N, C-alpha and C. Protein backbone atom coordinates (compact mmCIF):
# COMPACT_ATOMS: atom_id res chain seq x y z
N MET A 1 36.12 43.78 23.37
CA MET A 1 36.26 43.72 21.91
C MET A 1 36.97 44.97 21.48
N ASP A 2 36.98 46.08 22.19
CA ASP A 2 37.67 47.25 21.79
C ASP A 2 39.21 47.07 21.74
N LEU A 3 39.67 46.25 22.67
CA LEU A 3 41.14 45.97 22.71
C LEU A 3 41.55 45.24 21.48
N LEU A 4 40.73 44.20 21.13
CA LEU A 4 41.09 43.45 19.90
C LEU A 4 41.03 44.28 18.65
N ALA A 5 40.04 45.16 18.63
CA ALA A 5 40.01 45.98 17.42
C ALA A 5 41.18 46.98 17.37
N LEU A 6 41.60 47.49 18.52
CA LEU A 6 42.79 48.30 18.59
C LEU A 6 44.06 47.61 18.11
N ILE A 7 44.21 46.38 18.57
CA ILE A 7 45.38 45.60 18.28
C ILE A 7 45.38 45.29 16.72
N THR A 8 44.26 44.87 16.15
CA THR A 8 44.24 44.57 14.73
C THR A 8 44.30 45.81 13.85
N ALA A 9 43.83 46.93 14.33
CA ALA A 9 43.96 48.15 13.55
C ALA A 9 45.41 48.63 13.47
N LYS A 10 46.13 48.38 14.49
CA LYS A 10 47.51 48.90 14.54
C LYS A 10 48.53 47.69 14.58
N TYR A 11 48.22 46.72 13.80
CA TYR A 11 49.12 45.51 13.76
C TYR A 11 50.49 45.83 13.35
N ASN A 12 50.69 46.77 12.41
CA ASN A 12 52.04 46.98 11.92
C ASN A 12 52.90 47.59 13.07
N TYR A 13 52.37 48.37 13.95
CA TYR A 13 53.12 48.90 15.05
C TYR A 13 53.53 47.78 16.05
N TRP A 14 52.64 46.86 16.28
CA TRP A 14 52.98 45.71 17.14
C TRP A 14 54.06 44.86 16.49
N LEU A 15 54.04 44.69 15.14
CA LEU A 15 55.08 43.91 14.54
C LEU A 15 56.42 44.63 14.69
N TYR A 16 56.48 45.94 14.55
CA TYR A 16 57.74 46.66 14.75
C TYR A 16 58.29 46.54 16.14
N ILE A 17 57.39 46.64 17.06
CA ILE A 17 57.81 46.48 18.50
C ILE A 17 58.36 45.07 18.75
N ILE A 18 57.73 44.04 18.23
CA ILE A 18 58.24 42.73 18.40
C ILE A 18 59.56 42.54 17.75
N LEU A 19 59.69 43.06 16.53
CA LEU A 19 61.03 42.97 15.85
C LEU A 19 62.13 43.68 16.58
N MET A 20 61.82 44.91 17.04
CA MET A 20 62.76 45.68 17.79
C MET A 20 63.15 45.00 19.07
N MET A 21 62.23 44.38 19.81
CA MET A 21 62.58 43.63 21.02
C MET A 21 63.43 42.40 20.78
N ILE A 22 63.14 41.70 19.67
CA ILE A 22 63.92 40.55 19.30
C ILE A 22 65.37 41.01 19.01
N GLY A 23 65.55 42.10 18.30
CA GLY A 23 66.87 42.63 18.02
C GLY A 23 67.60 43.15 19.19
N LEU A 24 66.84 43.86 20.04
CA LEU A 24 67.48 44.33 21.33
C LEU A 24 67.90 43.19 22.23
N TYR A 25 67.02 42.17 22.34
CA TYR A 25 67.32 41.04 23.15
C TYR A 25 68.60 40.28 22.67
N ALA A 26 68.73 40.17 21.27
CA ALA A 26 69.85 39.51 20.76
C ALA A 26 71.17 40.32 21.05
N MET A 27 71.04 41.66 20.96
CA MET A 27 72.23 42.51 21.14
C MET A 27 72.65 42.49 22.57
N ILE A 28 71.73 42.39 23.51
CA ILE A 28 72.05 42.48 24.93
C ILE A 28 72.45 41.13 25.53
N SER A 29 71.73 40.11 25.23
CA SER A 29 71.88 38.82 25.97
C SER A 29 72.83 37.84 25.35
N LYS A 30 73.13 37.94 24.02
CA LYS A 30 74.01 36.98 23.41
C LYS A 30 75.45 37.33 23.58
N ASN A 31 76.33 36.26 23.69
CA ASN A 31 77.70 36.51 23.86
C ASN A 31 78.52 36.39 22.56
N ASN A 32 77.88 35.79 21.54
CA ASN A 32 78.58 35.62 20.24
C ASN A 32 78.49 36.96 19.50
N LEU A 33 79.56 37.37 18.92
CA LEU A 33 79.58 38.59 18.15
C LEU A 33 78.66 38.60 16.87
N ILE A 34 78.59 37.41 16.25
CA ILE A 34 77.75 37.31 15.05
C ILE A 34 76.29 37.37 15.43
N LYS A 35 75.91 36.79 16.52
CA LYS A 35 74.53 36.89 16.94
C LYS A 35 74.20 38.32 17.34
N LYS A 36 75.09 39.03 17.94
CA LYS A 36 74.87 40.43 18.32
C LYS A 36 74.73 41.26 17.00
N LEU A 37 75.50 40.93 15.97
CA LEU A 37 75.35 41.70 14.69
C LEU A 37 73.98 41.43 14.03
N VAL A 38 73.59 40.17 14.07
CA VAL A 38 72.30 39.83 13.47
C VAL A 38 71.16 40.47 14.26
N GLY A 39 71.26 40.59 15.57
CA GLY A 39 70.33 41.37 16.33
C GLY A 39 70.30 42.83 16.02
N MET A 40 71.49 43.40 15.81
CA MET A 40 71.55 44.80 15.41
C MET A 40 70.92 45.03 14.05
N ASN A 41 71.11 44.07 13.17
CA ASN A 41 70.51 44.20 11.81
C ASN A 41 69.01 44.02 11.91
N ILE A 42 68.44 43.18 12.74
CA ILE A 42 66.98 43.05 12.93
C ILE A 42 66.44 44.37 13.51
N PHE A 43 67.17 44.91 14.45
CA PHE A 43 66.75 46.19 15.12
C PHE A 43 66.69 47.29 14.02
N GLN A 44 67.68 47.42 13.22
CA GLN A 44 67.73 48.42 12.17
C GLN A 44 66.63 48.22 11.17
N THR A 45 66.33 46.95 10.83
CA THR A 45 65.23 46.65 9.84
C THR A 45 63.92 47.03 10.45
N ALA A 46 63.66 46.80 11.70
CA ALA A 46 62.45 47.23 12.29
C ALA A 46 62.25 48.74 12.30
N ILE A 47 63.29 49.48 12.51
CA ILE A 47 63.20 50.92 12.51
C ILE A 47 62.91 51.40 11.10
N ILE A 48 63.57 50.77 10.15
CA ILE A 48 63.34 51.17 8.68
C ILE A 48 61.92 50.94 8.31
N LEU A 49 61.41 49.75 8.64
CA LEU A 49 60.01 49.43 8.31
C LEU A 49 59.04 50.41 9.04
N PHE A 50 59.34 50.79 10.24
CA PHE A 50 58.48 51.70 10.93
C PHE A 50 58.38 53.04 10.19
N TYR A 51 59.52 53.58 9.82
CA TYR A 51 59.52 54.86 9.10
C TYR A 51 58.86 54.80 7.74
N VAL A 52 59.11 53.70 7.08
CA VAL A 52 58.41 53.52 5.77
C VAL A 52 56.90 53.45 5.90
N SER A 53 56.41 52.81 7.01
CA SER A 53 55.00 52.69 7.17
C SER A 53 54.35 53.98 7.59
N ILE A 54 55.08 54.81 8.37
CA ILE A 54 54.45 56.06 8.78
C ILE A 54 54.45 57.10 7.64
N GLY A 55 55.23 56.84 6.60
CA GLY A 55 55.27 57.70 5.39
C GLY A 55 54.18 57.35 4.42
N PHE A 56 53.44 56.24 4.75
CA PHE A 56 52.38 55.82 3.84
C PHE A 56 51.07 56.64 4.12
N LYS A 57 50.37 56.99 3.05
CA LYS A 57 49.08 57.67 3.18
C LYS A 57 48.06 56.94 2.42
N HIS A 58 46.97 56.52 3.03
CA HIS A 58 45.93 55.80 2.37
C HIS A 58 45.27 56.67 1.27
N GLU A 59 45.11 56.13 0.09
CA GLU A 59 44.55 56.80 -1.02
C GLU A 59 45.37 58.03 -1.49
N GLY A 60 46.68 58.04 -1.14
CA GLY A 60 47.53 59.12 -1.60
C GLY A 60 48.17 58.76 -2.90
N THR A 61 48.69 59.76 -3.58
CA THR A 61 49.26 59.57 -4.88
C THR A 61 50.70 60.09 -4.88
N ILE A 62 51.41 59.75 -5.88
CA ILE A 62 52.84 60.20 -6.00
C ILE A 62 52.85 61.75 -6.22
N PRO A 63 53.92 62.36 -5.73
CA PRO A 63 54.02 63.84 -5.80
C PRO A 63 54.50 64.31 -7.19
N ILE A 64 53.76 64.00 -8.21
CA ILE A 64 54.05 64.50 -9.55
C ILE A 64 52.88 65.30 -9.95
N ILE A 65 53.16 66.56 -10.21
CA ILE A 65 52.04 67.50 -10.54
C ILE A 65 51.95 67.57 -12.08
N LYS A 66 50.77 67.24 -12.60
CA LYS A 66 50.63 67.29 -14.02
C LYS A 66 50.03 68.58 -14.48
N GLU A 67 50.35 68.95 -15.68
CA GLU A 67 49.81 70.17 -16.31
C GLU A 67 50.01 71.46 -15.52
N THR A 68 51.19 71.76 -15.25
CA THR A 68 51.48 72.97 -14.39
C THR A 68 51.56 74.25 -15.18
N SER A 69 51.71 74.11 -16.55
CA SER A 69 51.75 75.31 -17.34
C SER A 69 50.84 75.07 -18.58
N GLY A 70 50.49 76.13 -19.20
CA GLY A 70 49.65 75.98 -20.44
C GLY A 70 48.22 76.19 -20.18
N HIS A 71 47.41 75.71 -21.12
CA HIS A 71 45.92 75.90 -21.07
C HIS A 71 45.35 75.01 -20.04
N GLY A 72 44.56 75.49 -19.12
CA GLY A 72 43.89 74.70 -18.08
C GLY A 72 44.66 74.58 -16.78
N ALA A 73 45.82 75.22 -16.70
CA ALA A 73 46.63 75.18 -15.46
C ALA A 73 45.97 75.92 -14.33
N HIS A 74 45.29 76.95 -14.59
CA HIS A 74 44.66 77.73 -13.52
C HIS A 74 43.49 77.07 -12.91
N HIS A 75 42.96 75.95 -13.54
CA HIS A 75 41.89 75.16 -12.95
C HIS A 75 42.30 74.12 -11.95
N ALA A 76 43.53 73.64 -12.11
CA ALA A 76 44.07 72.54 -11.27
C ALA A 76 44.73 73.12 -10.04
N ALA A 77 44.08 73.17 -8.93
CA ALA A 77 44.65 73.69 -7.71
C ALA A 77 45.41 72.50 -7.04
N ILE A 78 46.57 72.82 -6.53
CA ILE A 78 47.47 71.82 -5.88
C ILE A 78 46.99 71.65 -4.44
N GLN A 79 46.68 70.39 -4.11
CA GLN A 79 46.22 70.13 -2.75
C GLN A 79 47.22 69.13 -2.14
N ALA A 80 48.07 69.62 -1.27
CA ALA A 80 49.19 68.80 -0.73
C ALA A 80 48.67 67.57 0.07
N ALA A 81 47.51 67.67 0.54
CA ALA A 81 46.98 66.49 1.41
C ALA A 81 46.78 65.29 0.51
N HIS A 82 46.66 65.39 -0.79
CA HIS A 82 46.49 64.19 -1.65
C HIS A 82 47.80 63.49 -2.01
N TYR A 83 48.92 64.07 -1.74
CA TYR A 83 50.22 63.52 -2.18
C TYR A 83 50.91 62.89 -0.95
N ILE A 84 51.72 61.92 -1.29
CA ILE A 84 52.54 61.18 -0.28
C ILE A 84 53.84 61.92 -0.18
N ASN A 85 54.29 62.13 1.03
CA ASN A 85 55.60 62.77 1.21
C ASN A 85 56.79 61.79 0.94
N PRO A 86 57.58 62.01 -0.06
CA PRO A 86 58.63 60.99 -0.38
C PRO A 86 59.82 61.14 0.51
N LEU A 87 59.96 62.04 1.33
CA LEU A 87 61.16 62.24 2.19
C LEU A 87 61.39 61.04 3.03
N PRO A 88 60.46 60.53 3.83
CA PRO A 88 60.74 59.38 4.63
C PRO A 88 61.32 58.15 3.90
N HIS A 89 60.74 57.97 2.69
CA HIS A 89 61.22 56.80 1.90
C HIS A 89 62.55 57.02 1.39
N VAL A 90 62.91 58.24 0.98
CA VAL A 90 64.29 58.52 0.53
C VAL A 90 65.26 58.37 1.68
N LEU A 91 64.93 58.85 2.81
CA LEU A 91 65.88 58.75 3.92
C LEU A 91 66.04 57.27 4.37
N MET A 92 65.05 56.50 4.24
CA MET A 92 65.13 55.10 4.64
C MET A 92 65.96 54.29 3.62
N LEU A 93 65.96 54.77 2.36
CA LEU A 93 66.83 54.18 1.31
C LEU A 93 68.29 54.41 1.69
N THR A 94 68.53 55.60 2.17
CA THR A 94 69.91 55.93 2.65
C THR A 94 70.24 55.13 3.92
N ALA A 95 69.22 54.93 4.80
CA ALA A 95 69.49 54.12 6.02
C ALA A 95 69.77 52.65 5.64
N ILE A 96 69.13 52.16 4.57
CA ILE A 96 69.40 50.80 4.18
C ILE A 96 70.81 50.63 3.69
N VAL A 97 71.28 51.58 2.88
CA VAL A 97 72.65 51.57 2.41
C VAL A 97 73.65 51.65 3.64
N VAL A 98 73.36 52.51 4.55
CA VAL A 98 74.27 52.59 5.70
C VAL A 98 74.21 51.29 6.54
N SER A 99 72.99 50.68 6.63
CA SER A 99 72.87 49.42 7.41
C SER A 99 73.63 48.29 6.74
N VAL A 100 73.66 48.16 5.43
CA VAL A 100 74.33 47.11 4.78
C VAL A 100 75.80 47.35 4.87
N ALA A 101 76.29 48.59 4.67
CA ALA A 101 77.71 48.94 4.87
C ALA A 101 78.19 48.63 6.31
N THR A 102 77.43 49.01 7.30
CA THR A 102 77.78 48.78 8.65
C THR A 102 77.89 47.31 8.94
N PHE A 103 76.89 46.52 8.48
CA PHE A 103 76.90 45.09 8.64
C PHE A 103 78.15 44.42 7.97
N GLY A 104 78.43 44.92 6.79
CA GLY A 104 79.58 44.40 6.00
C GLY A 104 80.90 44.62 6.78
N VAL A 105 81.14 45.86 7.22
CA VAL A 105 82.29 46.22 7.96
C VAL A 105 82.44 45.39 9.28
N ALA A 106 81.29 45.31 9.99
CA ALA A 106 81.30 44.54 11.20
C ALA A 106 81.59 43.05 11.02
N MET A 107 81.08 42.45 9.89
CA MET A 107 81.33 41.12 9.59
C MET A 107 82.89 40.96 9.30
N ALA A 108 83.40 41.87 8.53
CA ALA A 108 84.87 41.80 8.23
C ALA A 108 85.73 41.98 9.52
N LEU A 109 85.31 42.77 10.46
CA LEU A 109 85.96 42.84 11.75
C LEU A 109 85.86 41.58 12.50
N CYS A 110 84.68 40.89 12.42
CA CYS A 110 84.50 39.61 13.10
C CYS A 110 85.42 38.55 12.49
N VAL A 111 85.64 38.58 11.19
CA VAL A 111 86.55 37.67 10.58
C VAL A 111 87.98 37.85 11.08
N ARG A 112 88.33 39.06 11.11
CA ARG A 112 89.73 39.43 11.64
C ARG A 112 89.88 39.05 13.07
N ILE A 113 88.86 39.24 13.88
CA ILE A 113 88.87 38.88 15.26
C ILE A 113 89.00 37.37 15.46
N TYR A 114 88.25 36.61 14.65
CA TYR A 114 88.31 35.15 14.71
C TYR A 114 89.72 34.69 14.21
N GLN A 115 90.24 35.28 13.23
CA GLN A 115 91.57 34.83 12.73
C GLN A 115 92.63 35.07 13.79
N ARG A 116 92.54 36.12 14.58
CA ARG A 116 93.53 36.44 15.64
C ARG A 116 93.31 35.62 16.84
N TYR A 117 92.10 35.55 17.37
CA TYR A 117 91.86 34.94 18.68
C TYR A 117 91.17 33.57 18.60
N GLN A 118 90.72 33.16 17.49
CA GLN A 118 90.10 31.85 17.28
C GLN A 118 88.79 31.66 18.04
N THR A 119 88.14 32.77 18.35
CA THR A 119 86.83 32.76 19.02
C THR A 119 86.08 33.97 18.72
N LEU A 120 84.75 33.91 18.79
CA LEU A 120 83.89 35.10 18.65
C LEU A 120 83.05 35.27 19.89
N GLU A 121 83.32 34.50 21.01
CA GLU A 121 82.61 34.69 22.22
C GLU A 121 83.16 35.80 23.01
N GLU A 122 82.28 36.75 23.43
CA GLU A 122 82.63 37.93 24.07
C GLU A 122 83.46 37.71 25.40
N ASP A 123 83.01 36.70 26.20
CA ASP A 123 83.59 36.41 27.47
C ASP A 123 85.10 35.94 27.22
N GLU A 124 85.26 35.05 26.32
CA GLU A 124 86.61 34.51 26.00
C GLU A 124 87.53 35.66 25.45
N LEU A 125 86.97 36.48 24.63
CA LEU A 125 87.79 37.60 24.12
C LEU A 125 88.15 38.55 25.26
N ARG A 126 87.29 38.84 26.23
CA ARG A 126 87.72 39.66 27.38
C ARG A 126 88.77 39.06 28.21
N MET A 127 88.64 37.74 28.43
CA MET A 127 89.68 37.03 29.18
C MET A 127 91.07 37.08 28.49
N ARG A 128 91.03 36.87 27.17
CA ARG A 128 92.32 36.90 26.46
C ARG A 128 92.89 38.27 26.30
N LEU A 129 92.03 39.27 26.28
CA LEU A 129 92.60 40.67 26.22
C LEU A 129 93.05 41.13 27.58
N SER A 130 92.40 40.64 28.63
CA SER A 130 92.88 41.01 29.96
C SER A 130 94.20 40.42 30.43
N GLU A 131 94.54 39.28 29.75
CA GLU A 131 95.76 38.56 30.10
C GLU A 131 96.96 39.29 29.54
N LYS A 132 96.83 40.10 28.51
CA LYS A 132 97.91 40.72 27.89
C LYS A 132 98.39 41.98 28.57
């Protein structure tokens, strides 16, 4: 019963591992460039979800300090343990933007590859490039 309790207590980590393995499998095993890109996108999404979840703090609050000056300010001691660190969330917003931009550029490259070689299969592309 301890193993089941451990698995259910850390279910989000198991979800990230499963998503990462699906993405890694798609990037390594598939020959189609679009499938590889989708696998890369799944892998990136799993990493972003992981970092957002480790930035979460149960019963934490946003890091806005009220009443820092004026009457009664000396009574309110700031306790950093009660606040959520916003840095992982901000960095993951940046990672999402980079992920979308990377995916868009890669899809544009796939369109150009298809227009030139009439295929997106990696094996066929290697054969056609080695012939030249």
